[in-house]
Amino acid sequence: MEEIIGKKRALHATYTKVKSKRKVRKLGVEEPVRKTLYDVVVENLKFSGRKTFLHRFIYIGRHSFKTEGDGIACFEKTVNTDGIEPISGLYLHYNQHFVHVVETDEGSIYKHLNLLFSSEDFDKLSDLTLLGDLCHINNRLISYWATYVGTPKSLVNPPKKSEVETAKDAAIQAFNCVNKINRLVDKMYGSSSVSLGKDVSSILEVQDDEDSSAKGETSASMSSQLVTKSSILGNLHSPFRDYLPERELLDYLIDSPYTQNLSRYLEFGGSITQVGEYSDKVWPVPEENIQYDVFEKDYDKMFTMTSQMGEQKEEEKSDDDDLASEDLDINNK
């Protein structure tokens, strides 16, 4: 046993020595660091504290909720979602109308609309109309999701529909409505908005100089996106009433033939259609290369090529045409 141990000690492994790294002298002119457009975009997003571009989505409509709490709860479920950028905006609740402003990334807006259209209370919403879709906005209108319940004033000379109405007339009224929303947010939250780059975990209390009982109760709570939510209940003596979009203005925009329905907008923007005019300009023809029936029948993917599948389709089509012609001949006889 001692002899075996001695032999093992006598054995030693020979490992290759690690060569020391030599400093290679750089010859010639060094390649400059190239700054691409992507680098500029990423740098600007980091500087602004964002991960992607922001969009502002504004839409209006009518509702049949019995209480303002039901309407707020319906929309609150659709904004408490996880996304790339936190959802902020303003929800205005009237007796029969509503205005909703959503600010977030494009994917979160699409998810919000899908949740809204699939919600249980969607049957209580009607005449959803797109008012504006602003892409790549510079700043948020408001840094959290807030709600306001109130009654706007009535217009002395409301806009009326006429046979000579043009798209310019509808655009002017839409601009007036958006301008009122901007002035309302600036009046309500201009001095107490919270920056998303700072800590937003604290609760924000919206207060006014006058008596809070005359203006309505204010409350704030946290949402799942760590964005402060403020809720204000207004009344006839509220100073914000002058800045609310009037009901006559909303009715004009909803009934205008130049505004777009929200469901149609979602259907158009949520699906990628195949353009047929490119088939004559692209070779080979895309239809022969795209396997639309890949799961309909079994085939050997190692030996069956797309061109062969195209030929099989043409043969099957010709056989079907022959059978159809034979059936017509039999019926004629």
Protein backbone atom coordinates (compact mmCIF):
# COMPACT_ATOMS: atom_id res chain seq x y z
CA MET A 1 0.00 0.00 0.00
CA GLU A 2 2.83 2.36 0.84
CA GLU A 3 4.45 1.56 -2.50
CA ILE A 4 1.27 2.54 -4.37
CA ILE A 5 1.01 5.80 -2.44
CA GLY A 6 4.64 6.55 -3.20
CA LYS A 7 4.13 5.94 -6.90
CA LYS A 8 1.12 8.27 -6.93
CA ARG A 9 3.15 10.99 -5.27
CA ALA A 10 5.89 10.49 -7.83
CA LEU A 11 3.41 11.12 -10.64
CA HIS A 12 2.89 14.75 -11.52
CA ALA A 13 0.81 16.36 -14.22
CA THR A 14 2.41 18.63 -16.78
CA TYR A 15 0.09 21.50 -17.71
CA THR A 16 0.79 23.97 -20.45
CA LYS A 17 1.85 27.31 -19.13
CA VAL A 18 -0.36 30.25 -19.86
CA LYS A 19 1.39 32.64 -22.17
CA SER A 20 1.53 36.21 -21.07
CA LYS A 21 -0.56 38.61 -23.11
CA ARG A 22 1.57 40.85 -25.23
CA LYS A 23 0.54 44.37 -25.95
CA VAL A 24 -0.12 44.66 -29.64
CA ARG A 25 0.71 48.02 -31.04
CA LYS A 26 -2.13 49.53 -33.04
CA LEU A 27 -0.95 50.66 -36.42
CA GLY A 28 -2.63 53.14 -38.70
CA VAL A 29 -5.62 55.35 -38.05
CA GLU A 30 -8.10 54.06 -35.49
CA GLU A 31 -11.67 53.48 -36.60
CA PRO A 32 -13.87 56.25 -35.18
CA VAL A 33 -16.80 55.35 -32.98
CA ARG A 34 -19.83 55.61 -35.23
CA LYS A 35 -23.08 56.85 -33.70
CA THR A 36 -26.14 55.45 -35.41
CA LEU A 37 -29.69 56.74 -35.33
CA TYR A 38 -30.57 53.89 -32.99
CA ASP A 39 -27.93 55.07 -30.51
CA VAL A 40 -29.38 58.58 -30.60
CA VAL A 41 -32.92 57.27 -29.97
CA VAL A 42 -31.80 55.08 -27.05
CA GLU A 43 -29.83 57.96 -25.54
CA ASN A 44 -32.81 60.30 -25.76
CA LEU A 45 -35.14 57.71 -24.21
CA LYS A 46 -32.73 57.15 -21.31
CA PHE A 47 -32.40 60.90 -20.81
CA SER A 48 -36.18 61.30 -20.61
CA GLY A 49 -36.59 58.27 -18.35
CA ARG A 50 -38.57 56.23 -20.86
CA LYS A 51 -38.27 52.83 -22.47
CA THR A 52 -40.18 53.53 -25.67
CA PHE A 53 -42.22 56.22 -27.39
CA LEU A 54 -45.37 57.63 -25.82
CA HIS A 55 -48.74 58.02 -27.51
CA ARG A 56 -51.76 60.08 -26.50
CA PHE A 57 -55.09 58.48 -27.34
CA ILE A 58 -58.34 60.44 -26.90
CA TYR A 59 -61.82 59.05 -27.44
CA ILE A 60 -65.35 60.00 -26.42
CA GLY A 61 -68.73 58.28 -26.25
CA ARG A 62 -72.01 57.76 -24.47
CA HIS A 63 -72.79 55.50 -21.51
CA SER A 64 -75.73 54.20 -19.50
CA PHE A 65 -74.11 53.63 -16.10
CA LYS A 66 -76.40 54.23 -13.13
CA THR A 67 -73.67 55.72 -10.94
CA GLU A 68 -70.36 57.40 -11.60
CA GLY A 69 -68.62 54.71 -9.55
CA ASP A 70 -69.67 52.01 -12.02
CA GLY A 71 -68.29 53.99 -14.93
CA ILE A 72 -64.99 54.71 -13.20
CA ALA A 73 -64.62 51.05 -12.17
CA CYS A 74 -65.21 49.90 -15.75
CA PHE A 75 -62.37 52.02 -17.13
CA GLU A 76 -60.11 51.52 -14.12
CA LYS A 77 -59.96 47.78 -14.83
CA THR A 78 -58.65 48.47 -18.32
CA VAL A 79 -55.83 50.79 -17.24
CA ASN A 80 -54.49 48.70 -14.33
CA THR A 81 -52.36 46.56 -16.63
CA ASP A 82 -48.65 45.90 -16.93
CA GLY A 83 -46.96 47.50 -19.91
CA ILE A 84 -43.70 48.97 -21.10
CA GLU A 85 -44.73 52.46 -20.03
CA PRO A 86 -47.11 53.28 -17.15
CA ILE A 87 -50.61 54.35 -18.17
CA SER A 88 -51.59 57.91 -17.35
CA GLY A 89 -54.49 60.07 -18.44
CA LEU A 90 -57.83 61.59 -17.49
CA TYR A 91 -61.35 60.18 -17.45
CA LEU A 92 -64.24 62.69 -17.50
CA HIS A 93 -67.60 61.29 -16.46
CA TYR A 94 -70.83 63.12 -17.28
CA ASN A 95 -74.42 62.05 -16.84
CA GLN A 96 -74.62 60.41 -20.28
CA HIS A 97 -71.24 61.15 -21.88
CA PHE A 98 -67.59 60.48 -21.14
CA VAL A 99 -64.16 61.60 -22.34
CA HIS A 100 -61.10 59.40 -21.87
CA VAL A 101 -57.47 60.42 -22.43
CA VAL A 102 -54.87 57.62 -22.32
CA GLU A 103 -51.10 58.19 -22.44
CA THR A 104 -48.80 55.18 -22.72
CA ASP A 105 -46.95 53.09 -25.30
CA GLU A 106 -48.66 51.76 -28.41
CA GLY A 107 -48.92 48.17 -27.18
CA SER A 108 -50.54 49.19 -23.91
CA ILE A 109 -53.13 51.29 -25.78
CA TYR A 110 -54.02 48.31 -27.95
CA LYS A 111 -54.29 46.11 -24.86
CA HIS A 112 -56.45 48.71 -23.11
CA LEU A 113 -58.87 48.80 -26.04
CA ASN A 114 -59.09 45.01 -26.19
CA LEU A 115 -59.86 44.84 -22.48
CA LEU A 116 -62.48 47.55 -22.86
CA PHE A 117 -64.24 45.83 -25.76
CA SER A 118 -64.21 42.48 -23.94
CA SER A 119 -65.32 43.82 -20.55
CA GLU A 120 -68.62 42.82 -18.95
CA ASP A 121 -69.89 46.41 -18.91
CA PHE A 122 -69.16 47.12 -22.55
CA ASP A 123 -72.86 46.86 -23.41
CA LYS A 124 -73.38 50.01 -21.34
CA LEU A 125 -71.08 51.97 -23.67
CA SER A 126 -72.18 53.23 -27.06
CA ASP A 127 -71.03 55.46 -29.91
CA LEU A 128 -67.32 55.22 -29.05
CA THR A 129 -65.62 57.78 -31.27
CA LEU A 130 -61.93 58.47 -31.81
CA LEU A 131 -61.03 62.09 -31.19
CA GLY A 132 -57.26 62.02 -31.58
CA ASP A 133 -54.28 59.67 -31.81
CA LEU A 134 -51.06 61.61 -31.19
CA CYS A 135 -47.88 59.61 -31.76
CA HIS A 136 -44.46 60.20 -30.17
CA ILE A 137 -45.55 62.96 -27.82
CA ASN A 138 -42.88 65.02 -26.10
CA ASN A 139 -44.39 65.22 -22.60
CA ARG A 140 -47.28 63.65 -20.75
CA LEU A 141 -50.38 65.72 -20.30
CA ILE A 142 -50.71 64.30 -16.79
CA SER A 143 -48.35 62.01 -14.90
CA TYR A 144 -50.98 59.71 -13.38
CA TRP A 145 -54.45 58.38 -14.17
CA ALA A 146 -57.13 60.70 -12.78
CA THR A 147 -60.91 60.88 -12.91
CA TYR A 148 -63.31 63.80 -12.72
CA VAL A 149 -67.08 63.60 -12.27
CA GLY A 150 -69.00 66.74 -13.11
CA THR A 151 -71.57 68.53 -15.23
CA PRO A 152 -70.37 70.87 -17.98
CA LYS A 153 -72.05 74.10 -18.97
CA SER A 154 -74.31 74.37 -21.99
CA LEU A 155 -73.26 76.11 -25.19
CA VAL A 156 -75.23 79.20 -26.19
CA ASN A 157 -74.62 78.56 -29.89
CA PRO A 158 -73.97 74.82 -30.22
CA PRO A 159 -72.57 73.49 -33.51
CA LYS A 160 -75.32 72.13 -35.74
CA LYS A 161 -75.20 69.61 -38.52
CA SER A 162 -75.87 70.84 -42.01
CA GLU A 163 -75.80 69.52 -45.54
CA VAL A 164 -72.77 71.65 -46.38
CA GLU A 165 -70.73 70.34 -43.45
CA THR A 166 -67.10 69.62 -44.36
CA ALA A 167 -64.21 67.82 -42.75
CA LYS A 168 -62.73 71.20 -41.87
CA ASP A 169 -65.75 72.02 -39.70
CA ALA A 170 -65.41 68.73 -37.80
CA ALA A 171 -61.66 69.28 -37.40
CA ILE A 172 -62.25 72.73 -35.90
CA GLN A 173 -64.69 71.35 -33.33
CA ALA A 174 -62.34 68.46 -32.51
CA PHE A 175 -59.52 70.95 -31.98
CA ASN A 176 -61.74 72.99 -29.66
CA CYS A 177 -62.56 69.88 -27.63
CA VAL A 178 -58.91 68.83 -27.29
CA ASN A 179 -57.94 72.40 -26.41
CA LYS A 180 -60.53 72.41 -23.62
CA ILE A 181 -59.09 69.15 -22.26
CA ASN A 182 -55.58 70.60 -22.24
CA ARG A 183 -56.72 73.74 -20.42
CA LEU A 184 -58.70 71.64 -17.93
CA VAL A 185 -55.70 69.49 -17.03
CA ASP A 186 -53.48 72.56 -16.76
CA LYS A 187 -56.00 74.18 -14.41
CA MET A 188 -56.55 71.07 -12.28
CA TYR A 189 -53.12 69.45 -12.11
CA GLY A 190 -50.67 71.95 -13.55
CA SER A 191 -49.18 72.84 -10.17
CA SER A 192 -49.32 69.39 -8.57
CA SER A 193 -48.38 66.92 -11.30
CA VAL A 194 -45.84 64.25 -10.46
CA SER A 195 -42.85 63.42 -12.61
CA LEU A 196 -42.59 59.74 -13.52
CA GLY A 197 -38.84 59.86 -13.09
CA LYS A 198 -39.25 60.59 -9.37
CA ASP A 199 -40.69 58.47 -6.61
CA VAL A 200 -44.41 58.14 -7.25
CA SER A 201 -45.10 55.79 -4.39
CA SER A 202 -46.29 58.64 -2.19
CA ILE A 203 -49.97 59.52 -2.15
CA LEU A 204 -50.91 62.74 -3.90
CA GLU A 205 -53.65 64.88 -2.42
CA VAL A 206 -55.19 67.38 -4.80
CA GLN A 207 -56.25 70.48 -2.91
CA ASP A 208 -57.58 73.87 -3.85
CA ASP A 209 -57.50 77.27 -2.17
CA GLU A 210 -61.24 77.33 -1.58
CA ASP A 211 -63.25 75.07 0.68
CA SER A 212 -62.98 71.42 -0.34
CA SER A 213 -66.63 70.81 0.51
CA ALA A 214 -67.71 73.38 -2.07
CA LYS A 215 -65.59 71.85 -4.77
CA GLY A 216 -66.03 68.18 -4.01
CA GLU A 217 -64.14 65.49 -2.24
CA THR A 218 -60.66 64.56 -3.39
CA SER A 219 -58.98 61.24 -2.90
CA ALA A 220 -55.94 59.43 -4.16
CA SER A 221 -54.83 55.83 -4.21
CA MET A 222 -52.16 53.71 -5.78
CA SER A 223 -52.67 51.70 -8.95
CA SER A 224 -50.85 48.56 -10.01
CA GLN A 225 -48.54 50.63 -12.23
CA LEU A 226 -47.20 52.61 -9.23
CA VAL A 227 -48.78 55.73 -10.71
CA THR A 228 -50.81 57.94 -8.39
CA LYS A 229 -54.51 58.11 -9.20
CA SER A 230 -56.53 61.18 -8.26
CA SER A 231 -60.32 61.30 -8.23
CA ILE A 232 -62.29 64.55 -8.03
CA LEU A 233 -66.04 64.91 -7.61
CA GLY A 234 -67.19 68.24 -8.97
CA ASN A 235 -70.43 70.18 -8.60
CA LEU A 236 -72.16 73.22 -10.05
CA HIS A 237 -69.85 75.58 -8.12
CA SER A 238 -66.63 73.91 -9.24
CA PRO A 239 -64.12 76.29 -10.86
CA PHE A 240 -63.22 73.55 -13.35
CA ARG A 241 -66.69 73.59 -14.88
CA ASP A 242 -65.77 76.33 -17.33
CA TYR A 243 -63.06 74.12 -18.86
CA LEU A 244 -65.14 70.96 -19.37
CA PRO A 245 -66.02 70.00 -22.97
CA GLU A 246 -69.72 70.70 -23.45
CA ARG A 247 -72.22 67.93 -24.11
CA GLU A 248 -73.43 69.64 -27.30
CA LEU A 249 -69.87 69.60 -28.58
CA LEU A 250 -69.50 65.89 -27.81
CA ASP A 251 -72.81 65.10 -29.52
CA TYR A 252 -71.70 66.97 -32.62
CA LEU A 253 -68.41 65.05 -32.81
CA ILE A 254 -70.04 61.68 -32.13
CA ASP A 255 -72.70 62.17 -34.82
CA SER A 256 -70.33 63.72 -37.36
CA PRO A 257 -69.65 61.60 -40.47
CA TYR A 258 -66.02 62.75 -40.48
CA THR A 259 -65.05 61.22 -37.13
CA GLN A 260 -64.00 57.59 -36.94
CA ASN A 261 -65.71 54.88 -34.94
CA LEU A 262 -63.42 53.34 -32.33
CA SER A 263 -64.30 49.72 -33.14
CA ARG A 264 -63.54 50.31 -36.80
CA TYR A 265 -60.25 51.95 -35.88
CA LEU A 266 -59.31 48.98 -33.69
CA GLU A 267 -60.23 46.53 -36.44
CA PHE A 268 -58.22 48.47 -39.01
CA GLY A 269 -55.15 49.07 -36.84
CA GLY A 270 -55.07 45.69 -35.10
CA SER A 271 -54.73 43.50 -38.21
CA ILE A 272 -52.13 43.41 -40.96
CA THR A 273 -53.82 43.03 -44.31
CA GLN A 274 -52.18 41.43 -47.34
CA VAL A 275 -51.82 43.88 -50.18
CA GLY A 276 -52.61 42.20 -53.50
CA GLU A 277 -50.95 44.73 -55.78
CA TYR A 278 -47.45 43.61 -54.75
CA SER A 279 -47.96 40.08 -56.09
CA ASP A 280 -47.24 41.21 -59.65
CA LYS A 281 -44.05 43.02 -58.62
CA VAL A 282 -42.49 40.36 -56.39
CA TRP A 283 -40.84 37.19 -57.71
CA PRO A 284 -41.37 34.41 -56.90
CA VAL A 285 -45.07 34.79 -56.24
CA PRO A 286 -45.59 34.85 -52.43
CA GLU A 287 -48.59 32.51 -52.64
CA GLU A 288 -46.39 29.66 -53.88
CA ASN A 289 -43.98 30.05 -50.96
CA ILE A 290 -46.41 30.56 -48.08
CA GLN A 291 -47.79 27.29 -46.75
CA TYR A 292 -51.30 28.24 -45.69
CA ASP A 293 -52.43 24.60 -45.30
CA VAL A 294 -49.40 23.38 -43.39
CA PHE A 295 -51.54 21.76 -40.67
CA GLU A 296 -54.32 20.41 -42.88
CA LYS A 297 -52.56 17.30 -44.21
CA ASP A 298 -49.45 15.26 -43.48
CA TYR A 299 -46.37 15.59 -45.64
CA ASP A 300 -42.67 14.91 -45.42
CA LYS A 301 -41.03 18.23 -44.72
CA MET A 302 -37.61 16.84 -45.61
CA PHE A 303 -38.54 16.10 -49.22
CA THR A 304 -41.72 18.03 -50.01
CA MET A 305 -40.76 21.51 -51.19
CA THR A 306 -42.97 24.55 -51.42
CA SER A 307 -42.89 24.46 -55.22
CA GLN A 308 -44.15 20.88 -55.18
CA MET A 309 -46.93 21.89 -52.82
CA GLY A 310 -47.86 24.67 -55.23
CA GLU A 311 -48.01 22.17 -58.08
CA GLN A 312 -50.16 19.87 -55.95
CA LYS A 313 -52.51 22.75 -55.26
CA GLU A 314 -52.80 23.51 -58.97
CA GLU A 315 -53.47 19.83 -59.76
CA GLU A 316 -56.13 19.63 -57.04
CA LYS A 317 -57.69 22.82 -58.34
CA SER A 318 -57.77 21.49 -61.90
CA ASP A 319 -59.31 18.21 -60.68
CA ASP A 320 -61.98 20.15 -58.82
CA ASP A 321 -62.73 22.18 -61.94
CA ASP A 322 -63.04 19.00 -64.02
CA LEU A 323 -65.42 17.46 -61.49
CA ALA A 324 -67.48 20.64 -61.41
CA SER A 325 -67.72 20.69 -65.23
CA GLU A 326 -68.77 17.02 -65.28
CA ASP A 327 -71.50 17.74 -62.74
CA LEU A 328 -72.77 20.58 -64.88
CA ASP A 329 -72.88 18.33 -67.97
CA ILE A 330 -74.82 15.67 -66.06
CA ASN A 331 -77.31 18.21 -64.78
CA ASN A 332 -77.80 19.67 -68.25
CA LYS A 333 -78.53 16.22 -69.68
